[in-house]
């Protein structure tokens, strides 16, 4: 099974609109067609962003509805520990935790809405592909449906 790491922007967009690739990727996780890699820092980042009052207003969701989505990720995902001292040293240090998760979880893909964020800084060749939702989802459909 393909294992992915999701940038928070993908999860946010998946909850904002049911029409796009981000939402379809979330549905694939729900259907257990994809496995999502998680670490404690990544999960806490999801919570911090999605629980913001302005985020809840924008998404038109109650905190309990966000909890249900986070529970889905916990139930259908794999939790991994980051037990190495290496840091990706991306230009935006806030994105390092997603690279660490993808690396520790042996993800096949790190899915984001902005690939440029993950190709800056000192990040060299990695054992996973950094891709966008709009590139990943059609390719997944072509290969698996």
N, C-alpha and C. Protein backbone atom coordinates (compact mmCIF):
# COMPACT_ATOMS: atom_id res chain seq x y z
N UNK A 1 0.84 -1.18 0.00
CA UNK A 1 0.00 0.00 0.00
C UNK A 1 0.89 1.25 0.00
N UNK A 2 0.46 2.25 -0.70
CA UNK A 2 1.20 3.50 -0.79
C UNK A 2 1.06 4.27 0.52
N UNK A 3 2.18 4.76 1.01
CA UNK A 3 2.18 5.55 2.24
C UNK A 3 2.51 7.00 1.90
N UNK A 4 1.74 7.90 2.48
CA UNK A 4 1.92 9.32 2.21
C UNK A 4 2.08 10.10 3.50
N UNK A 5 2.69 11.25 3.37
CA UNK A 5 2.71 12.26 4.42
C UNK A 5 2.00 13.48 3.86
N UNK A 6 1.10 14.05 4.65
CA UNK A 6 0.32 15.20 4.20
C UNK A 6 0.78 16.47 4.89
N UNK A 7 1.07 17.47 4.09
CA UNK A 7 1.28 18.82 4.59
C UNK A 7 -0.06 19.33 5.11
N UNK A 8 -0.05 20.17 6.11
CA UNK A 8 -1.27 20.70 6.70
C UNK A 8 -2.14 21.39 5.65
N UNK A 9 -1.53 22.03 4.68
CA UNK A 9 -2.30 22.74 3.65
C UNK A 9 -3.21 21.79 2.88
N UNK A 10 -2.80 20.55 2.71
CA UNK A 10 -3.61 19.57 2.00
C UNK A 10 -4.83 19.20 2.84
N UNK A 11 -4.61 18.96 4.11
CA UNK A 11 -5.71 18.61 5.00
C UNK A 11 -6.70 19.77 5.10
N UNK A 12 -6.18 20.98 5.23
CA UNK A 12 -7.02 22.18 5.29
C UNK A 12 -7.90 22.27 4.03
N UNK A 13 -7.30 22.12 2.87
CA UNK A 13 -8.05 22.22 1.62
C UNK A 13 -9.04 21.08 1.47
N UNK A 14 -8.69 19.90 1.95
CA UNK A 14 -9.60 18.76 1.89
C UNK A 14 -10.88 19.02 2.67
N UNK A 15 -10.76 19.79 3.76
CA UNK A 15 -11.93 20.12 4.57
C UNK A 15 -12.67 21.34 4.04
N UNK A 16 -11.99 22.14 3.28
CA UNK A 16 -12.58 23.38 2.75
C UNK A 16 -13.48 23.11 1.54
N UNK A 17 -13.12 22.13 0.74
CA UNK A 17 -13.87 21.86 -0.49
C UNK A 17 -13.93 20.36 -0.75
N UNK A 18 -15.10 19.88 -1.12
CA UNK A 18 -15.25 18.47 -1.45
C UNK A 18 -14.96 18.19 -2.93
N UNK A 19 -14.60 19.21 -3.68
CA UNK A 19 -14.44 19.07 -5.12
C UNK A 19 -13.02 18.75 -5.59
N UNK A 20 -12.03 19.05 -4.80
CA UNK A 20 -10.67 18.97 -5.30
C UNK A 20 -9.94 17.68 -4.98
N UNK A 21 -8.72 17.63 -5.46
CA UNK A 21 -7.85 16.47 -5.26
C UNK A 21 -7.53 16.25 -3.79
N UNK A 22 -7.42 17.32 -3.01
CA UNK A 22 -7.12 17.17 -1.58
C UNK A 22 -8.21 16.35 -0.90
N UNK A 23 -9.46 16.67 -1.18
CA UNK A 23 -10.57 15.94 -0.58
C UNK A 23 -10.58 14.49 -1.06
N UNK A 24 -10.27 14.27 -2.32
CA UNK A 24 -10.23 12.90 -2.85
C UNK A 24 -9.14 12.08 -2.17
N UNK A 25 -8.03 12.70 -1.87
CA UNK A 25 -6.94 12.01 -1.16
C UNK A 25 -7.41 11.64 0.25
N UNK A 26 -8.11 12.55 0.92
CA UNK A 26 -8.66 12.25 2.25
C UNK A 26 -9.64 11.08 2.16
N UNK A 27 -10.42 11.02 1.10
CA UNK A 27 -11.36 9.91 0.92
C UNK A 27 -10.61 8.59 0.70
N UNK A 28 -9.49 8.63 0.01
CA UNK A 28 -8.69 7.42 -0.19
C UNK A 28 -8.13 6.91 1.14
N UNK A 29 -7.79 7.84 2.02
CA UNK A 29 -7.33 7.46 3.37
C UNK A 29 -8.50 6.82 4.12
N UNK A 30 -9.67 7.44 4.04
CA UNK A 30 -10.86 6.92 4.72
C UNK A 30 -11.19 5.52 4.22
N UNK A 31 -11.02 5.29 2.93
CA UNK A 31 -11.31 3.99 2.32
C UNK A 31 -10.17 2.99 2.49
N UNK A 32 -9.12 3.40 3.18
CA UNK A 32 -7.94 2.56 3.44
C UNK A 32 -7.23 2.14 2.16
N UNK A 33 -7.25 3.03 1.17
CA UNK A 33 -6.53 2.81 -0.07
C UNK A 33 -5.16 3.47 -0.03
N UNK A 34 -4.97 4.36 0.93
CA UNK A 34 -3.70 5.01 1.20
C UNK A 34 -3.45 4.95 2.71
N UNK A 35 -2.20 4.87 3.08
CA UNK A 35 -1.82 4.95 4.48
C UNK A 35 -1.14 6.29 4.70
N UNK A 36 -1.51 6.97 5.76
CA UNK A 36 -0.89 8.25 6.06
C UNK A 36 0.09 8.07 7.21
N UNK A 37 1.31 8.56 7.02
CA UNK A 37 2.32 8.53 8.06
C UNK A 37 2.09 9.73 8.98
N UNK A 38 2.22 9.50 10.27
CA UNK A 38 2.04 10.55 11.27
C UNK A 38 3.18 10.51 12.27
N UNK A 39 3.51 11.66 12.78
CA UNK A 39 4.37 11.78 13.95
C UNK A 39 3.63 12.69 14.93
N UNK A 40 4.03 12.67 16.17
CA UNK A 40 3.38 13.54 17.16
C UNK A 40 3.48 15.01 16.73
N UNK A 41 4.65 15.52 16.32
CA UNK A 41 4.70 16.92 15.90
C UNK A 41 3.78 17.25 14.72
N UNK A 42 3.66 16.35 13.75
CA UNK A 42 2.77 16.59 12.61
C UNK A 42 1.32 16.63 13.08
N UNK A 43 0.93 15.68 13.91
CA UNK A 43 -0.44 15.65 14.40
C UNK A 43 -0.76 16.91 15.22
N UNK A 44 0.17 17.34 16.05
CA UNK A 44 -0.04 18.57 16.83
C UNK A 44 -0.13 19.79 15.93
N UNK A 45 0.59 19.79 14.82
CA UNK A 45 0.49 20.88 13.84
C UNK A 45 -0.90 20.88 13.20
N UNK A 46 -1.39 19.71 12.83
CA UNK A 46 -2.75 19.63 12.29
C UNK A 46 -3.75 20.23 13.28
N UNK A 47 -3.65 19.82 14.54
CA UNK A 47 -4.57 20.34 15.56
C UNK A 47 -4.44 21.85 15.71
N UNK A 48 -3.21 22.34 15.81
CA UNK A 48 -2.99 23.77 16.03
C UNK A 48 -3.61 24.60 14.92
N UNK A 49 -3.45 24.17 13.68
CA UNK A 49 -3.98 24.93 12.55
C UNK A 49 -5.50 24.77 12.44
N UNK A 50 -5.99 23.55 12.54
CA UNK A 50 -7.41 23.30 12.31
C UNK A 50 -8.30 23.77 13.45
N UNK A 51 -7.76 23.90 14.66
CA UNK A 51 -8.54 24.36 15.80
C UNK A 51 -8.58 25.89 15.93
N UNK A 52 -7.82 26.59 15.11
CA UNK A 52 -7.85 28.05 15.20
C UNK A 52 -9.27 28.55 14.93
N UNK A 53 -9.75 29.52 15.70
CA UNK A 53 -11.11 30.03 15.47
C UNK A 53 -11.33 30.50 14.04
N UNK A 54 -10.35 31.18 13.44
CA UNK A 54 -10.52 31.67 12.07
C UNK A 54 -10.57 30.51 11.07
N UNK A 55 -9.85 29.42 11.37
CA UNK A 55 -9.90 28.25 10.50
C UNK A 55 -11.27 27.58 10.58
N UNK A 56 -11.77 27.41 11.79
CA UNK A 56 -13.09 26.80 11.97
C UNK A 56 -14.16 27.61 11.27
N UNK A 57 -14.05 28.94 11.35
CA UNK A 57 -15.01 29.80 10.65
C UNK A 57 -14.89 29.63 9.14
N UNK A 58 -13.67 29.65 8.64
CA UNK A 58 -13.46 29.51 7.19
C UNK A 58 -13.97 28.17 6.67
N UNK A 59 -13.71 27.11 7.43
CA UNK A 59 -14.12 25.77 7.01
C UNK A 59 -15.60 25.51 7.29
N UNK A 60 -16.19 26.38 8.10
CA UNK A 60 -17.61 26.20 8.49
C UNK A 60 -17.80 24.86 9.19
N UNK A 61 -16.86 24.55 10.09
CA UNK A 61 -16.90 23.30 10.84
C UNK A 61 -16.86 23.59 12.34
N UNK A 62 -17.46 22.71 13.10
CA UNK A 62 -17.34 22.75 14.56
C UNK A 62 -16.10 21.95 14.95
N UNK A 63 -15.59 22.22 16.13
CA UNK A 63 -14.40 21.53 16.60
C UNK A 63 -14.61 20.01 16.60
N UNK A 64 -15.79 19.56 16.93
CA UNK A 64 -16.10 18.13 16.94
C UNK A 64 -15.97 17.50 15.56
N UNK A 65 -16.32 18.26 14.52
CA UNK A 65 -16.18 17.75 13.16
C UNK A 65 -14.71 17.62 12.77
N UNK A 66 -13.91 18.57 13.23
CA UNK A 66 -12.46 18.48 13.00
C UNK A 66 -11.90 17.28 13.77
N UNK A 67 -12.39 17.09 15.00
CA UNK A 67 -11.96 15.93 15.79
C UNK A 67 -12.22 14.62 15.04
N UNK A 68 -13.36 14.53 14.38
CA UNK A 68 -13.70 13.32 13.64
C UNK A 68 -12.69 13.05 12.52
N UNK A 69 -12.26 14.10 11.84
CA UNK A 69 -11.27 13.94 10.77
C UNK A 69 -9.92 13.55 11.35
N UNK A 70 -9.53 14.18 12.44
CA UNK A 70 -8.26 13.84 13.08
C UNK A 70 -8.30 12.40 13.61
N UNK A 71 -9.44 11.98 14.15
CA UNK A 71 -9.59 10.59 14.60
C UNK A 71 -9.44 9.63 13.42
N UNK A 72 -10.02 10.00 12.28
CA UNK A 72 -9.89 9.19 11.07
C UNK A 72 -8.41 8.99 10.72
N UNK A 73 -7.64 10.06 10.79
CA UNK A 73 -6.21 9.96 10.47
C UNK A 73 -5.50 9.06 11.46
N UNK A 74 -5.85 9.18 12.74
CA UNK A 74 -5.21 8.33 13.75
C UNK A 74 -5.58 6.86 13.55
N UNK A 75 -6.83 6.61 13.23
CA UNK A 75 -7.29 5.23 13.06
C UNK A 75 -6.74 4.58 11.79
N UNK A 76 -6.60 5.35 10.72
CA UNK A 76 -6.16 4.80 9.44
C UNK A 76 -4.70 5.11 9.13
N UNK A 77 -4.03 5.78 10.02
CA UNK A 77 -2.64 6.14 9.79
C UNK A 77 -1.69 5.28 10.59
N UNK A 78 -0.42 5.56 10.41
CA UNK A 78 0.64 4.89 11.16
C UNK A 78 1.45 5.95 11.89
N UNK A 79 1.56 5.79 13.19
CA UNK A 79 2.32 6.73 14.00
C UNK A 79 3.78 6.29 14.05
N UNK A 80 4.67 7.23 13.79
CA UNK A 80 6.11 6.94 13.77
C UNK A 80 6.83 7.90 14.69
N UNK A 81 7.90 7.41 15.28
CA UNK A 81 8.75 8.24 16.13
C UNK A 81 9.88 8.80 15.29
N UNK A 82 10.23 10.03 15.55
CA UNK A 82 11.40 10.64 14.91
C UNK A 82 12.54 10.48 15.90
N UNK A 83 13.47 9.59 15.56
CA UNK A 83 14.53 9.26 16.52
C UNK A 83 15.91 9.46 15.91
N UNK A 84 16.08 10.57 15.21
CA UNK A 84 17.37 10.88 14.64
C UNK A 84 17.62 12.37 14.83
N UNK A 85 18.86 12.76 14.77
CA UNK A 85 19.24 14.14 15.03
C UNK A 85 19.35 14.99 13.76
N UNK A 86 19.16 14.38 12.62
CA UNK A 86 19.24 15.08 11.34
C UNK A 86 18.07 16.04 11.21
N UNK A 87 18.32 17.23 10.69
CA UNK A 87 17.27 18.21 10.41
C UNK A 87 17.32 18.55 8.93
N UNK A 88 16.18 18.63 8.28
CA UNK A 88 16.17 18.95 6.85
C UNK A 88 16.70 20.34 6.53
N UNK A 89 16.55 21.29 7.45
CA UNK A 89 17.02 22.67 7.25
C UNK A 89 16.42 23.32 6.01
N UNK A 90 15.10 23.21 5.88
CA UNK A 90 14.41 23.92 4.81
C UNK A 90 14.43 25.41 5.09
N UNK A 91 14.19 26.20 4.08
CA UNK A 91 14.15 27.65 4.26
C UNK A 91 13.11 28.02 5.32
N UNK A 92 11.94 27.38 5.29
CA UNK A 92 10.92 27.56 6.32
C UNK A 92 11.02 26.39 7.28
N UNK A 93 11.63 26.62 8.44
CA UNK A 93 11.86 25.55 9.41
C UNK A 93 10.56 24.88 9.87
N UNK A 94 9.42 25.55 9.74
CA UNK A 94 8.14 24.96 10.13
C UNK A 94 7.77 23.77 9.25
N UNK A 95 8.37 23.66 8.08
CA UNK A 95 8.10 22.54 7.17
C UNK A 95 8.98 21.33 7.44
N UNK A 96 10.03 21.51 8.25
CA UNK A 96 10.95 20.40 8.54
C UNK A 96 10.22 19.19 9.11
N UNK A 97 9.22 19.41 9.95
CA UNK A 97 8.55 18.29 10.61
C UNK A 97 7.84 17.36 9.62
N UNK A 98 7.43 17.87 8.46
CA UNK A 98 6.78 17.02 7.46
C UNK A 98 7.81 16.15 6.74
N UNK A 99 8.97 16.71 6.48
CA UNK A 99 10.05 15.92 5.87
C UNK A 99 10.51 14.85 6.85
N UNK A 100 10.64 15.21 8.12
CA UNK A 100 11.03 14.22 9.13
C UNK A 100 10.01 13.09 9.22
N UNK A 101 8.73 13.44 9.15
CA UNK A 101 7.66 12.43 9.18
C UNK A 101 7.74 11.52 7.96
N UNK A 102 7.90 12.11 6.78
CA UNK A 102 7.98 11.31 5.56
C UNK A 102 9.18 10.37 5.60
N UNK A 103 10.28 10.87 6.13
CA UNK A 103 11.50 10.06 6.23
C UNK A 103 11.32 8.94 7.27
N UNK A 104 10.86 9.29 8.47
CA UNK A 104 10.70 8.30 9.55
C UNK A 104 9.63 7.27 9.20
N UNK A 105 8.58 7.72 8.52
CA UNK A 105 7.48 6.83 8.17
C UNK A 105 7.71 6.06 6.88
N UNK A 106 8.84 6.29 6.25
CA UNK A 106 9.17 5.65 4.98
C UNK A 106 8.04 5.86 3.96
N UNK A 107 7.59 7.11 3.90
CA UNK A 107 6.53 7.47 2.95
C UNK A 107 7.03 7.37 1.52
N UNK A 108 6.10 7.07 0.65
CA UNK A 108 6.40 7.08 -0.78
C UNK A 108 6.28 8.49 -1.34
N UNK A 109 5.37 9.27 -0.74
CA UNK A 109 5.10 10.63 -1.21
C UNK A 109 4.91 11.57 -0.03
N UNK A 110 5.39 12.79 -0.19
CA UNK A 110 5.04 13.90 0.69
C UNK A 110 4.16 14.80 -0.18
N UNK A 111 2.90 14.92 0.21
CA UNK A 111 1.95 15.66 -0.62
C UNK A 111 1.70 17.03 -0.01
N UNK A 112 1.85 18.05 -0.84
CA UNK A 112 1.74 19.43 -0.40
C UNK A 112 1.03 20.23 -1.48
N UNK A 113 0.65 21.43 -1.15
CA UNK A 113 0.08 22.33 -2.15
C UNK A 113 1.15 23.27 -2.69
N UNK A 114 2.36 23.22 -2.12
CA UNK A 114 3.43 24.10 -2.57
C UNK A 114 4.76 23.35 -2.52
N UNK A 115 5.12 22.71 -3.61
CA UNK A 115 6.35 21.93 -3.69
C UNK A 115 7.58 22.79 -3.41
N UNK A 116 7.52 24.04 -3.82
CA UNK A 116 8.66 24.94 -3.63
C UNK A 116 9.10 25.01 -2.17
N UNK A 117 8.16 24.91 -1.23
CA UNK A 117 8.50 24.94 0.19
C UNK A 117 9.41 23.79 0.58
N UNK A 118 9.35 22.70 -0.15
CA UNK A 118 10.10 21.50 0.22
C UNK A 118 11.31 21.25 -0.68
N UNK A 119 11.63 22.20 -1.52
CA UNK A 119 12.81 22.05 -2.37
C UNK A 119 13.82 23.15 -2.10
N UNK A 120 13.59 23.90 -1.02
CA UNK A 120 14.51 24.97 -0.67
C UNK A 120 15.40 24.51 0.48
N UNK A 121 16.40 25.28 0.79
CA UNK A 121 17.27 24.95 1.91
C UNK A 121 18.26 23.87 1.55
N UNK A 122 18.59 23.04 2.54
CA UNK A 122 19.65 22.05 2.41
C UNK A 122 19.14 20.65 2.08
N UNK A 123 17.88 20.51 1.77
CA UNK A 123 17.31 19.19 1.52
C UNK A 123 17.88 18.61 0.23
N UNK A 124 18.50 17.47 0.35
CA UNK A 124 19.05 16.79 -0.82
C UNK A 124 18.11 15.71 -1.29
N UNK A 125 18.62 14.75 -2.05
CA UNK A 125 17.77 13.65 -2.54
C UNK A 125 17.16 12.88 -1.36
N UNK A 126 15.87 12.58 -1.49
CA UNK A 126 15.16 11.87 -0.43
C UNK A 126 14.52 10.61 -1.01
N UNK A 127 14.19 9.66 -0.14
CA UNK A 127 13.59 8.40 -0.62
C UNK A 127 12.08 8.50 -0.86
N UNK A 128 11.55 9.69 -0.96
CA UNK A 128 10.14 9.91 -1.25
C UNK A 128 10.02 11.03 -2.27
N UNK A 129 8.87 11.10 -2.91
CA UNK A 129 8.61 12.12 -3.92
C UNK A 129 7.80 13.23 -3.28
N UNK A 130 8.22 14.46 -3.48
CA UNK A 130 7.44 15.62 -3.05
C UNK A 130 6.57 16.01 -4.24
N UNK A 131 5.26 16.03 -4.03
CA UNK A 131 4.33 16.26 -5.12
C UNK A 131 3.13 17.07 -4.65
N UNK A 132 2.39 17.57 -5.59
CA UNK A 132 1.16 18.30 -5.27
C UNK A 132 -0.03 17.36 -5.32
N UNK A 133 -1.12 17.81 -4.77
CA UNK A 133 -2.36 17.03 -4.81
C UNK A 133 -2.82 16.84 -6.26
N UNK A 134 -2.68 17.89 -7.05
CA UNK A 134 -3.17 17.83 -8.43
C UNK A 134 -2.29 16.97 -9.33
N UNK A 135 -1.08 16.68 -8.92
CA UNK A 135 -0.25 15.72 -9.65
C UNK A 135 -0.45 14.30 -9.11
N UNK A 136 -0.55 14.18 -7.79
CA UNK A 136 -0.64 12.86 -7.17
C UNK A 136 -1.96 12.16 -7.48
N UNK A 137 -3.08 12.83 -7.26
CA UNK A 137 -4.38 12.15 -7.35
C UNK A 137 -4.68 11.58 -8.74
N UNK A 138 -4.51 12.35 -9.82
CA UNK A 138 -4.76 11.74 -11.15
C UNK A 138 -3.83 10.56 -11.44
N UNK A 139 -2.59 10.65 -11.01
CA UNK A 139 -1.66 9.54 -11.24
C UNK A 139 -2.09 8.31 -10.44
N UNK A 140 -2.52 8.53 -9.19
CA UNK A 140 -2.99 7.41 -8.38
C UNK A 140 -4.18 6.73 -9.06
N UNK A 141 -5.13 7.52 -9.54
CA UNK A 141 -6.31 6.97 -10.22
C UNK A 141 -5.90 6.16 -11.45
N UNK A 142 -4.97 6.71 -12.22
CA UNK A 142 -4.51 6.03 -13.44
C UNK A 142 -3.87 4.68 -13.08
N UNK A 143 -3.09 4.65 -12.01
CA UNK A 143 -2.36 3.44 -11.63
C UNK A 143 -3.18 2.42 -10.86
N UNK A 144 -4.27 2.87 -10.19
CA UNK A 144 -4.97 1.98 -9.24
C UNK A 144 -6.45 1.77 -9.50
N UNK A 145 -7.00 2.43 -10.48
CA UNK A 145 -8.45 2.23 -10.73
C UNK A 145 -8.67 1.68 -12.12
